[in-house]
Amino acid sequence: IANQRKDFQFKLANDICKKYALICIEDLNIKGMQKRWVEKYLISIV
């Protein structure tokens, strides 16, 4: 199973690299985004 996962990840990464010239990775703060959304929602209710 570990080898199958590794093989899949390699093939997927290889396909992505062949398809796109530039790959960007973004680190999102999901908990912070959720907190702000809840705050905006509560303010709109009040």
All heavy atoms as atom14 arrays in JSON, in Angstrom:
{
  "sequence": "IANQRKDFQFKLANDICKKYALICIEDLNIKGMQKRWVEKYLISIV",
  "atom14_mask": [
    [1, 1, 1, 1, 1, 1, 1, 1, 0, 0, 0, 0, 0, 0],
    [1, 1, 1, 1, 1, 0, 0, 0, 0, 0, 0, 0, 0, 0],
    [1, 1, 1, 1, 1, 1, 1, 1, 0, 0, 0, 0, 0, 0],
    [1, 1, 1, 1, 1, 1, 1, 1, 1, 0, 0, 0, 0, 0],
    [1, 1, 1, 1, 1, 1, 1, 1, 1, 1, 1, 0, 0, 0],
    [1, 1, 1, 1, 1, 1, 1, 1, 1, 0, 0, 0, 0, 0],
    [1, 1, 1, 1, 1, 1, 1, 1, 0, 0, 0, 0, 0, 0],
    [1, 1, 1, 1, 1, 1, 1, 1, 1, 1, 1, 0, 0, 0],
    [1, 1, 1, 1, 1, 1, 1, 1, 1, 0, 0, 0, 0, 0],
    [1, 1, 1, 1, 1, 1, 1, 1, 1, 1, 1, 0, 0, 0],
    [1, 1, 1, 1, 1, 1, 1, 1, 1, 0, 0, 0, 0, 0],
    [1, 1, 1, 1, 1, 1, 1, 1, 0, 0, 0, 0, 0, 0],
    [1, 1, 1, 1, 1, 0, 0, 0, 0, 0, 0, 0, 0, 0],
    [1, 1, 1, 1, 1, 1, 1, 1, 0, 0, 0, 0, 0, 0],
    [1, 1, 1, 1, 1, 1, 1, 1, 0, 0, 0, 0, 0, 0],
    [1, 1, 1, 1, 1, 1, 1, 1, 0, 0, 0, 0, 0, 0],
    [1, 1, 1, 1, 1, 1, 0, 0, 0, 0, 0, 0, 0, 0],
    [1, 1, 1, 1, 1, 1, 1, 1, 1, 0, 0, 0, 0, 0],
    [1, 1, 1, 1, 1, 1, 1, 1, 1, 0, 0, 0, 0, 0],
    [1, 1, 1, 1, 1, 1, 1, 1, 1, 1, 1, 1, 0, 0],
    [1, 1, 1, 1, 1, 0, 0, 0, 0, 0, 0, 0, 0, 0],
    [1, 1, 1, 1, 1, 1, 1, 1, 0, 0, 0, 0, 0, 0],
    [1, 1, 1, 1, 1, 1, 1, 1, 0, 0, 0, 0, 0, 0],
    [1, 1, 1, 1, 1, 1, 0, 0, 0, 0, 0, 0, 0, 0],
    [1, 1, 1, 1, 1, 1, 1, 1, 0, 0, 0, 0, 0, 0],
    [1, 1, 1, 1, 1, 1, 1, 1, 1, 0, 0, 0, 0, 0],
    [1, 1, 1, 1, 1, 1, 1, 1, 0, 0, 0, 0, 0, 0],
    [1, 1, 1, 1, 1, 1, 1, 1, 0, 0, 0, 0, 0, 0],
    [1, 1, 1, 1, 1, 1, 1, 1, 0, 0, 0, 0, 0, 0],
    [1, 1, 1, 1, 1, 1, 1, 1, 0, 0, 0, 0, 0, 0],
    [1, 1, 1, 1, 1, 1, 1, 1, 1, 0, 0, 0, 0, 0],
    [1, 1, 1, 1, 0, 0, 0, 0, 0, 0, 0, 0, 0, 0],
    [1, 1, 1, 1, 1, 1, 1, 1, 0, 0, 0, 0, 0, 0],
    [1, 1, 1, 1, 1, 1, 1, 1, 1, 0, 0, 0, 0, 0],
    [1, 1, 1, 1, 1, 1, 1, 1, 1, 0, 0, 0, 0, 0],
    [1, 1, 1, 1, 1, 1, 1, 1, 1, 1, 1, 0, 0, 0],
    [1, 1, 1, 1, 1, 1, 1, 1, 1, 1, 1, 1, 1, 1],
    [1, 1, 1, 1, 1, 1, 1, 0, 0, 0, 0, 0, 0, 0],
    [1, 1, 1, 1, 1, 1, 1, 1, 1, 0, 0, 0, 0, 0],
    [1, 1, 1, 1, 1, 1, 1, 1, 1, 0, 0, 0, 0, 0],
    [1, 1, 1, 1, 1, 1, 1, 1, 1, 1, 1, 1, 0, 0],
    [1, 1, 1, 1, 1, 1, 1, 1, 0, 0, 0, 0, 0, 0],
    [1, 1, 1, 1, 1, 1, 1, 1, 0, 0, 0, 0, 0, 0],
    [1, 1, 1, 1, 1, 1, 0, 0, 0, 0, 0, 0, 0, 0],
    [1, 1, 1, 1, 1, 1, 1, 1, 0, 0, 0, 0, 0, 0],
    [1, 1, 1, 1, 1, 1, 1, 0, 0, 0, 0, 0, 0, 0]
  ],
  "atom14_positions": [
    [[0.84, -1.2, 0.0], [0.0, 0.0, 0.0], [0.87, 1.25, 0.0], [0.6, 2.22, -0.72], [-0.96, -0.01, 1.21], [-1.96, -1.16, 1.05], [-1.69, 1.32, 1.33], [-2.81, -1.42, 2.26], [0.0, 0.0, 0.0], [0.0, 0.0, 0.0], [0.0, 0.0, 0.0], [0.0, 0.0, 0.0], [0.0, 0.0, 0.0], [0.0, 0.0, 0.0]],
    [[1.94, 1.23, 0.78], [2.85, 2.38, 0.82], [3.48, 2.61, -0.55], [3.59, 3.75, -1.01], [3.94, 2.15, 1.87], [0.0, 0.0, 0.0], [0.0, 0.0, 0.0], [0.0, 0.0, 0.0], [0.0, 0.0, 0.0], [0.0, 0.0, 0.0], [0.0, 0.0, 0.0], [0.0, 0.0, 0.0], [0.0, 0.0, 0.0], [0.0, 0.0, 0.0]],
    [[3.85, 1.53, -1.23], [4.42, 1.65, -2.58], [3.4, 2.17, -3.59], [3.74, 2.97, -4.47], [4.99, 0.31, -3.05], [6.28, -0.05, -2.35], [6.98, 0.81, -1.84], [6.58, -1.32, -2.31], [0.0, 0.0, 0.0], [0.0, 0.0, 0.0], [0.0, 0.0, 0.0], [0.0, 0.0, 0.0], [0.0, 0.0, 0.0], [0.0, 0.0, 0.0]],
    [[2.15, 1.73, -3.45], [1.09, 2.22, -4.36], [0.87, 3.72, -4.17], [0.7, 4.45, -5.14], [-0.21, 1.46, -4.11], [-0.2, 0.05, -4.61], [-1.46, -0.72, -4.25], [-2.13, -0.42, -3.27], [-1.76, -1.73, -5.05], [0.0, 0.0, 0.0], [0.0, 0.0, 0.0], [0.0, 0.0, 0.0], [0.0, 0.0, 0.0], [0.0, 0.0, 0.0]],
    [[0.85, 4.16, -2.92], [0.67, 5.6, -2.64], [1.84, 6.4, -3.21], [1.65, 7.45, -3.81], [0.56, 5.83, -1.14], [-0.74, 5.4, -0.57], [-0.81, 5.73, 0.9], [-2.08, 5.29, 1.45], [-2.26, 4.99, 2.72], [-1.27, 5.1, 3.57], [-3.44, 4.59, 3.14], [0.0, 0.0, 0.0], [0.0, 0.0, 0.0], [0.0, 0.0, 0.0]],
    [[3.05, 5.91, -2.97], [4.23, 6.6, -3.46], [4.23, 6.68, -4.98], [4.55, 7.73, -5.56], [5.49, 5.87, -2.96], [6.76, 6.68, -3.08], [7.96, 5.89, -2.55], [7.97, 5.91, -1.05], [9.21, 5.32, -0.49], [0.0, 0.0, 0.0], [0.0, 0.0, 0.0], [0.0, 0.0, 0.0], [0.0, 0.0, 0.0], [0.0, 0.0, 0.0]],
    [[3.83, 5.59, -5.64], [3.76, 5.55, -7.1], [2.72, 6.54, -7.62], [2.97, 7.28, -8.56], [3.43, 4.13, -7.57], [3.42, 4.02, -9.07], [4.44, 4.37, -9.7], [2.39, 3.57, -9.63], [0.0, 0.0, 0.0], [0.0, 0.0, 0.0], [0.0, 0.0, 0.0], [0.0, 0.0, 0.0], [0.0, 0.0, 0.0], [0.0, 0.0, 0.0]],
    [[1.55, 6.57, -6.97], [0.49, 7.5, -7.38], [0.96, 8.95, -7.23], [0.75, 9.77, -8.12], [-0.77, 7.26, -6.55], [-1.82, 8.31, -6.77], [-2.6, 8.3, -7.91], [-2.03, 9.32, -5.83], [-3.56, 9.27, -8.13], [-2.99, 10.29, -6.03], [-3.76, 10.26, -7.18], [0.0, 0.0, 0.0], [0.0, 0.0, 0.0], [0.0, 0.0, 0.0]],
    [[1.57, 9.26, -6.08], [2.05, 10.62, -5.84], [3.1, 11.02, -6.87], [3.1, 12.15, -7.37], [2.6, 10.75, -4.42], [1.54, 10.64, -3.37], [2.1, 10.51, -1.97], [3.3, 10.3, -1.77], [1.23, 10.63, -0.98], [0.0, 0.0, 0.0], [0.0, 0.0, 0.0], [0.0, 0.0, 0.0], [0.0, 0.0, 0.0], [0.0, 0.0, 0.0]],
    [[4.0, 10.1, -7.21], [5.03, 10.39, -8.2], [4.41, 10.65, -9.56], [4.77, 11.61, -10.24], [6.03, 9.23, -8.3], [7.03, 9.41, -9.4], [8.11, 10.26, -9.23], [6.88, 8.77, -10.61], [9.03, 10.45, -10.26], [7.79, 8.94, -11.64], [8.86, 9.79, -11.45], [0.0, 0.0, 0.0], [0.0, 0.0, 0.0], [0.0, 0.0, 0.0]],
    [[3.47, 9.8, -9.97], [2.82, 9.97, -11.27], [2.02, 11.27, -11.34], [2.05, 11.98, -12.35], [1.92, 8.78, -11.58], [2.7, 7.52, -11.91], [1.78, 6.35, -12.18], [2.57, 5.1, -12.5], [1.72, 3.94, -12.68], [0.0, 0.0, 0.0], [0.0, 0.0, 0.0], [0.0, 0.0, 0.0], [0.0, 0.0, 0.0], [0.0, 0.0, 0.0]],
    [[1.32, 11.59, -10.27], [0.54, 12.83, -10.23], [1.46, 14.05, -10.31], [1.21, 14.98, -11.1], [-0.31, 12.89, -8.97], [-1.18, 14.11, -8.8], [-2.22, 14.2, -9.92], [-1.88, 14.07, -7.45], [0.0, 0.0, 0.0], [0.0, 0.0, 0.0], [0.0, 0.0, 0.0], [0.0, 0.0, 0.0], [0.0, 0.0, 0.0], [0.0, 0.0, 0.0]],
    [[2.51, 14.06, -9.52], [3.46, 15.18, -9.55], [4.12, 15.3, -10.91], [4.31, 16.4, -11.43], [4.53, 14.99, -8.46], [0.0, 0.0, 0.0], [0.0, 0.0, 0.0], [0.0, 0.0, 0.0], [0.0, 0.0, 0.0], [0.0, 0.0, 0.0], [0.0, 0.0, 0.0], [0.0, 0.0, 0.0], [0.0, 0.0, 0.0], [0.0, 0.0, 0.0]],
    [[4.44, 14.18, -11.52], [5.06, 14.18, -12.84], [4.11, 14.76, -13.89], [4.51, 15.58, -14.73], [5.47, 12.75, -13.21], [6.46, 12.72, -14.34], [7.16, 13.68, -14.6], [6.53, 11.58, -15.01], [0.0, 0.0, 0.0], [0.0, 0.0, 0.0], [0.0, 0.0, 0.0], [0.0, 0.0, 0.0], [0.0, 0.0, 0.0], [0.0, 0.0, 0.0]],
    [[2.84, 14.36, -13.85], [1.84, 14.9, -14.78], [1.66, 16.4, -14.6], [1.57, 17.16, -15.57], [0.49, 14.21, -14.59], [0.48, 12.79, -15.12], [1.39, 12.43, -15.9], [-0.44, 12.04, -14.74], [0.0, 0.0, 0.0], [0.0, 0.0, 0.0], [0.0, 0.0, 0.0], [0.0, 0.0, 0.0], [0.0, 0.0, 0.0], [0.0, 0.0, 0.0]],
    [[1.61, 16.86, -13.35], [1.44, 18.29, -13.09], [2.65, 19.07, -13.61], [2.49, 20.13, -14.23], [1.24, 18.54, -11.57], [-0.13, 17.99, -11.14], [1.33, 20.02, -11.24], [-0.36, 17.99, -9.65], [0.0, 0.0, 0.0], [0.0, 0.0, 0.0], [0.0, 0.0, 0.0], [0.0, 0.0, 0.0], [0.0, 0.0, 0.0], [0.0, 0.0, 0.0]],
    [[3.84, 18.56, -13.4], [5.06, 19.24, -13.86], [5.13, 19.3, -15.38], [5.61, 20.29, -15.95], [6.29, 18.55, -13.31], [6.52, 18.79, -11.54], [0.0, 0.0, 0.0], [0.0, 0.0, 0.0], [0.0, 0.0, 0.0], [0.0, 0.0, 0.0], [0.0, 0.0, 0.0], [0.0, 0.0, 0.0], [0.0, 0.0, 0.0], [0.0, 0.0, 0.0]],
    [[4.64, 18.26, -16.05], [4.64, 18.27, -17.51], [3.61, 19.25, -18.07], [3.81, 19.87, -19.11], [4.33, 16.87, -18.05], [5.47, 15.9, -17.92], [5.07, 14.54, -18.48], [6.19, 13.54, -18.34], [5.8, 12.21, -18.84], [0.0, 0.0, 0.0], [0.0, 0.0, 0.0], [0.0, 0.0, 0.0], [0.0, 0.0, 0.0], [0.0, 0.0, 0.0]],
    [[2.49, 19.39, -17.35], [1.37, 20.19, -17.85], [1.59, 21.7, -17.64], [1.18, 22.5, -18.47], [0.09, 19.76, -17.14], [-1.18, 20.31, -17.77], [-2.42, 19.87, -17.01], [-2.83, 18.49, -17.45], [-4.13, 18.09, -16.89], [0.0, 0.0, 0.0], [0.0, 0.0, 0.0], [0.0, 0.0, 0.0], [0.0, 0.0, 0.0], [0.0, 0.0, 0.0]],
    [[2.21, 22.09, -16.54], [2.33, 23.51, -16.18], [3.78, 23.94, -16.1], [4.64, 23.21, -15.61], [1.64, 23.77, -14.84], [0.18, 23.4, -14.85], [-0.26, 22.23, -14.23], [-0.77, 24.19, -15.49], [-1.6, 21.87, -14.25], [-2.11, 23.84, -15.52], [-2.52, 22.68, -14.89], [-3.84, 22.33, -14.92], [0.0, 0.0, 0.0], [0.0, 0.0, 0.0]],
    [[4.04, 25.17, -16.55], [5.4, 25.71, -16.51], [5.74, 26.28, -15.13], [6.9, 26.29, -14.73], [5.56, 26.8, -17.56], [0.0, 0.0, 0.0], [0.0, 0.0, 0.0], [0.0, 0.0, 0.0], [0.0, 0.0, 0.0], [0.0, 0.0, 0.0], [0.0, 0.0, 0.0], [0.0, 0.0, 0.0], [0.0, 0.0, 0.0], [0.0, 0.0, 0.0]],
    [[4.73, 26.74, -14.42], [4.94, 27.35, -13.11], [3.92, 26.79, -12.13], [2.73, 26.73, -12.44], [4.79, 28.88, -13.2], [4.92, 29.66, -11.92], [6.35, 29.57, -11.39], [4.55, 31.11, -12.15], [0.0, 0.0, 0.0], [0.0, 0.0, 0.0], [0.0, 0.0, 0.0], [0.0, 0.0, 0.0], [0.0, 0.0, 0.0], [0.0, 0.0, 0.0]],
    [[4.38, 26.4, -10.96], [3.5, 25.87, -9.92], [3.71, 26.7, -8.67], [4.84, 26.87, -8.21], [3.82, 24.39, -9.63], [3.64, 23.56, -10.89], [2.93, 23.87, -8.5], [4.16, 22.16, -10.77], [0.0, 0.0, 0.0], [0.0, 0.0, 0.0], [0.0, 0.0, 0.0], [0.0, 0.0, 0.0], [0.0, 0.0, 0.0], [0.0, 0.0, 0.0]],
    [[2.62, 27.23, -8.11], [2.68, 28.04, -6.89], [1.94, 27.33, -5.78], [0.9, 26.71, -6.01], [2.06, 29.41, -7.12], [2.91, 30.37, -8.37], [0.0, 0.0, 0.0], [0.0, 0.0, 0.0], [0.0, 0.0, 0.0], [0.0, 0.0, 0.0], [0.0, 0.0, 0.0], [0.0, 0.0, 0.0], [0.0, 0.0, 0.0], [0.0, 0.0, 0.0]],
    [[2.46, 27.44, -4.58], [1.83, 26.83, -3.41], [1.51, 27.96, -2.43], [2.36, 28.82, -2.15], [2.76, 25.8, -2.75], [3.07, 24.68, -3.75], [2.15, 25.24, -1.48], [4.13, 23.72, -3.28], [0.0, 0.0, 0.0], [0.0, 0.0, 0.0], [0.0, 0.0, 0.0], [0.0, 0.0, 0.0], [0.0, 0.0, 0.0], [0.0, 0.0, 0.0]],
    [[0.29, 27.95, -1.92], [-0.13, 28.98, -0.99], [-0.46, 28.34, 0.35], [-1.14, 27.32, 0.43], [-1.38, 29.69, -1.53], [-1.82, 30.85, -0.7], [-2.97, 31.62, -1.33], [-3.42, 31.23, -2.41], [-3.39, 32.62, -0.74], [0.0, 0.0, 0.0], [0.0, 0.0, 0.0], [0.0, 0.0, 0.0], [0.0, 0.0, 0.0], [0.0, 0.0, 0.0]],
    [[0.04, 28.95, 1.41], [-0.22, 28.46, 2.75], [-1.34, 29.29, 3.34], [-1.15, 30.46, 3.67], [1.06, 28.58, 3.59], [0.9, 27.98, 4.98], [-0.01, 27.15, 5.16], [1.68, 28.36, 5.87], [0.0, 0.0, 0.0], [0.0, 0.0, 0.0], [0.0, 0.0, 0.0], [0.0, 0.0, 0.0], [0.0, 0.0, 0.0], [0.0, 0.0, 0.0]],
    [[-2.53, 28.7, 3.45], [-3.69, 29.43, 3.93], [-3.91, 29.17, 5.42], [-3.73, 28.06, 5.91], [-4.95, 28.99, 3.17], [-4.96, 29.29, 1.69], [-6.21, 28.68, 1.06], [-4.91, 30.76, 1.42], [0.0, 0.0, 0.0], [0.0, 0.0, 0.0], [0.0, 0.0, 0.0], [0.0, 0.0, 0.0], [0.0, 0.0, 0.0], [0.0, 0.0, 0.0]],
    [[-4.31, 30.22, 6.12], [-4.66, 30.1, 7.53], [-6.18, 29.9, 7.61], [-6.94, 30.85, 7.76], [-4.23, 31.37, 8.27], [-4.55, 31.3, 9.75], [-5.06, 30.31, 10.24], [-4.25, 32.38, 10.46], [0.0, 0.0, 0.0], [0.0, 0.0, 0.0], [0.0, 0.0, 0.0], [0.0, 0.0, 0.0], [0.0, 0.0, 0.0], [0.0, 0.0, 0.0]],
    [[-6.62, 28.67, 7.48], [-8.05, 28.36, 7.42], [-8.76, 28.73, 8.72], [-9.85, 29.3, 8.69], [-8.26, 26.86, 7.11], [-7.6, 26.48, 5.79], [-9.73, 26.5, 7.1], [-8.15, 27.19, 4.58], [0.0, 0.0, 0.0], [0.0, 0.0, 0.0], [0.0, 0.0, 0.0], [0.0, 0.0, 0.0], [0.0, 0.0, 0.0], [0.0, 0.0, 0.0]],
    [[-8.14, 28.45, 9.84], [-8.78, 28.78, 11.13], [-8.98, 30.29, 11.27], [-10.01, 30.75, 11.75], [-7.97, 28.24, 12.29], [-8.04, 26.75, 12.41], [-7.3, 26.24, 13.64], [-7.43, 24.74, 13.71], [-6.79, 24.19, 14.89], [0.0, 0.0, 0.0], [0.0, 0.0, 0.0], [0.0, 0.0, 0.0], [0.0, 0.0, 0.0], [0.0, 0.0, 0.0]],
    [[-8.0, 31.06, 10.83], [-8.13, 32.52, 10.87], [-9.22, 33.01, 9.93], [-9.97, 33.93, 10.26], [0.0, 0.0, 0.0], [0.0, 0.0, 0.0], [0.0, 0.0, 0.0], [0.0, 0.0, 0.0], [0.0, 0.0, 0.0], [0.0, 0.0, 0.0], [0.0, 0.0, 0.0], [0.0, 0.0, 0.0], [0.0, 0.0, 0.0], [0.0, 0.0, 0.0]],
    [[-9.32, 32.39, 8.77], [-10.35, 32.78, 7.81], [-11.74, 32.45, 8.36], [-12.67, 33.24, 8.23], [-10.14, 32.06, 6.47], [-8.89, 32.51, 5.75], [-8.46, 31.47, 4.35], [-9.81, 31.7, 3.26], [0.0, 0.0, 0.0], [0.0, 0.0, 0.0], [0.0, 0.0, 0.0], [0.0, 0.0, 0.0], [0.0, 0.0, 0.0], [0.0, 0.0, 0.0]],
    [[-11.88, 31.3, 9.0], [-13.15, 30.92, 9.59], [-13.53, 31.88, 10.71], [-14.69, 32.28, 10.83], [-13.09, 29.5, 10.14], [-13.06, 28.44, 9.07], [-12.86, 27.05, 9.65], [-12.34, 26.88, 10.74], [-13.27, 26.05, 8.89], [0.0, 0.0, 0.0], [0.0, 0.0, 0.0], [0.0, 0.0, 0.0], [0.0, 0.0, 0.0], [0.0, 0.0, 0.0]],
    [[-12.56, 32.26, 11.52], [-12.82, 33.17, 12.64], [-13.32, 34.51, 12.12], [-14.3, 35.06, 12.64], [-11.55, 33.36, 13.45], [-11.71, 34.23, 14.66], [-10.41, 34.37, 15.42], [-10.57, 35.34, 16.57], [-9.31, 35.58, 17.25], [0.0, 0.0, 0.0], [0.0, 0.0, 0.0], [0.0, 0.0, 0.0], [0.0, 0.0, 0.0], [0.0, 0.0, 0.0]],
    [[-12.67, 35.04, 11.08], [-13.11, 36.33, 10.52], [-14.49, 36.22, 9.91], [-15.31, 37.13, 10.02], [-12.11, 36.83, 9.49], [-10.89, 37.45, 10.14], [-9.95, 37.9, 9.1], [-9.34, 36.66, 8.59], [-8.19, 36.58, 7.99], [-7.52, 37.65, 7.74], [-7.7, 35.43, 7.59], [0.0, 0.0, 0.0], [0.0, 0.0, 0.0], [0.0, 0.0, 0.0]],
    [[-14.8, 35.09, 9.25], [-16.11, 34.91, 8.65], [-17.19, 34.9, 9.72], [-18.23, 35.53, 9.58], [-16.16, 33.61, 7.84], [-17.48, 33.42, 7.18], [-17.86, 33.92, 5.98], [-18.6, 32.7, 7.69], [-19.15, 33.55, 5.69], [-19.63, 32.79, 6.74], [-18.84, 31.97, 8.85], [-20.88, 32.2, 6.92], [-20.08, 31.37, 9.02], [-21.07, 31.49, 8.08]],
    [[-16.93, 34.19, 10.83], [-17.9, 34.13, 11.93], [-18.09, 35.51, 12.53], [-19.22, 35.92, 12.82], [-17.45, 33.1, 13.0], [-18.31, 33.21, 14.25], [-17.51, 31.7, 12.44], [0.0, 0.0, 0.0], [0.0, 0.0, 0.0], [0.0, 0.0, 0.0], [0.0, 0.0, 0.0], [0.0, 0.0, 0.0], [0.0, 0.0, 0.0], [0.0, 0.0, 0.0]],
    [[-17.0, 36.26, 12.71], [-17.11, 37.61, 13.27], [-17.94, 38.5, 12.36], [-18.81, 39.23, 12.84], [-15.72, 38.2, 13.46], [-14.94, 37.56, 14.59], [-13.5, 38.02, 14.65], [-13.04, 38.73, 13.72], [-12.79, 37.64, 15.61], [0.0, 0.0, 0.0], [0.0, 0.0, 0.0], [0.0, 0.0, 0.0], [0.0, 0.0, 0.0], [0.0, 0.0, 0.0]],
    [[-17.71, 38.45, 11.06], [-18.5, 39.28, 10.12], [-19.97, 38.86, 10.15], [-20.86, 39.7, 10.11], [-17.95, 39.14, 8.69], [-16.65, 39.84, 8.47], [-16.2, 39.66, 7.04], [-14.87, 40.31, 6.78], [-14.42, 40.15, 5.39], [0.0, 0.0, 0.0], [0.0, 0.0, 0.0], [0.0, 0.0, 0.0], [0.0, 0.0, 0.0], [0.0, 0.0, 0.0]],
    [[-20.22, 37.56, 10.24], [-21.59, 37.06, 10.27], [-22.29, 37.55, 11.53], [-23.42, 38.03, 11.47], [-21.59, 35.54, 10.2], [-22.95, 34.92, 10.29], [-23.83, 34.98, 9.21], [-23.37, 34.26, 11.43], [-25.09, 34.42, 9.28], [-24.63, 33.69, 11.52], [-25.48, 33.77, 10.43], [-26.73, 33.21, 10.52], [0.0, 0.0, 0.0], [0.0, 0.0, 0.0]],
    [[-21.61, 37.45, 12.67], [-22.23, 37.89, 13.93], [-22.47, 39.4, 13.94], [-23.5, 39.87, 14.43], [-21.35, 37.48, 15.11], [-21.28, 35.98, 15.4], [-20.28, 35.7, 16.5], [-22.63, 35.41, 15.71], [0.0, 0.0, 0.0], [0.0, 0.0, 0.0], [0.0, 0.0, 0.0], [0.0, 0.0, 0.0], [0.0, 0.0, 0.0], [0.0, 0.0, 0.0]],
    [[-21.54, 40.16, 13.38], [-21.73, 41.62, 13.32], [-22.92, 41.96, 12.44], [-23.72, 42.83, 12.77], [-20.44, 42.29, 12.79], [-19.34, 42.22, 13.86], [-20.71, 43.74, 12.4], [-17.99, 42.66, 13.38], [0.0, 0.0, 0.0], [0.0, 0.0, 0.0], [0.0, 0.0, 0.0], [0.0, 0.0, 0.0], [0.0, 0.0, 0.0], [0.0, 0.0, 0.0]],
    [[-23.1, 41.25, 11.32], [-24.23, 41.53, 10.45], [-25.55, 41.19, 11.13], [-26.54, 41.87, 10.92], [-24.1, 40.76, 9.13], [-24.23, 39.38, 9.34], [0.0, 0.0, 0.0], [0.0, 0.0, 0.0], [0.0, 0.0, 0.0], [0.0, 0.0, 0.0], [0.0, 0.0, 0.0], [0.0, 0.0, 0.0], [0.0, 0.0, 0.0], [0.0, 0.0, 0.0]],
    [[-25.58, 40.18, 11.99], [-26.8, 39.82, 12.7], [-27.12, 40.88, 13.74], [-28.27, 41.31, 13.9], [-26.67, 38.44, 13.38], [-26.62, 37.35, 12.32], [-27.81, 38.18, 14.35], [-26.36, 35.98, 12.88], [0.0, 0.0, 0.0], [0.0, 0.0, 0.0], [0.0, 0.0, 0.0], [0.0, 0.0, 0.0], [0.0, 0.0, 0.0], [0.0, 0.0, 0.0]],
    [[-26.1, 41.34, 14.46], [-26.29, 42.34, 15.52], [-26.74, 43.66, 14.94], [-27.59, 44.36, 15.51], [-25.0, 42.5, 16.35], [-25.11, 43.66, 17.32], [-24.7, 41.19, 17.1], [0.0, 0.0, 0.0], [0.0, 0.0, 0.0], [0.0, 0.0, 0.0], [0.0, 0.0, 0.0], [0.0, 0.0, 0.0], [0.0, 0.0, 0.0], [0.0, 0.0, 0.0]]
  ]
}
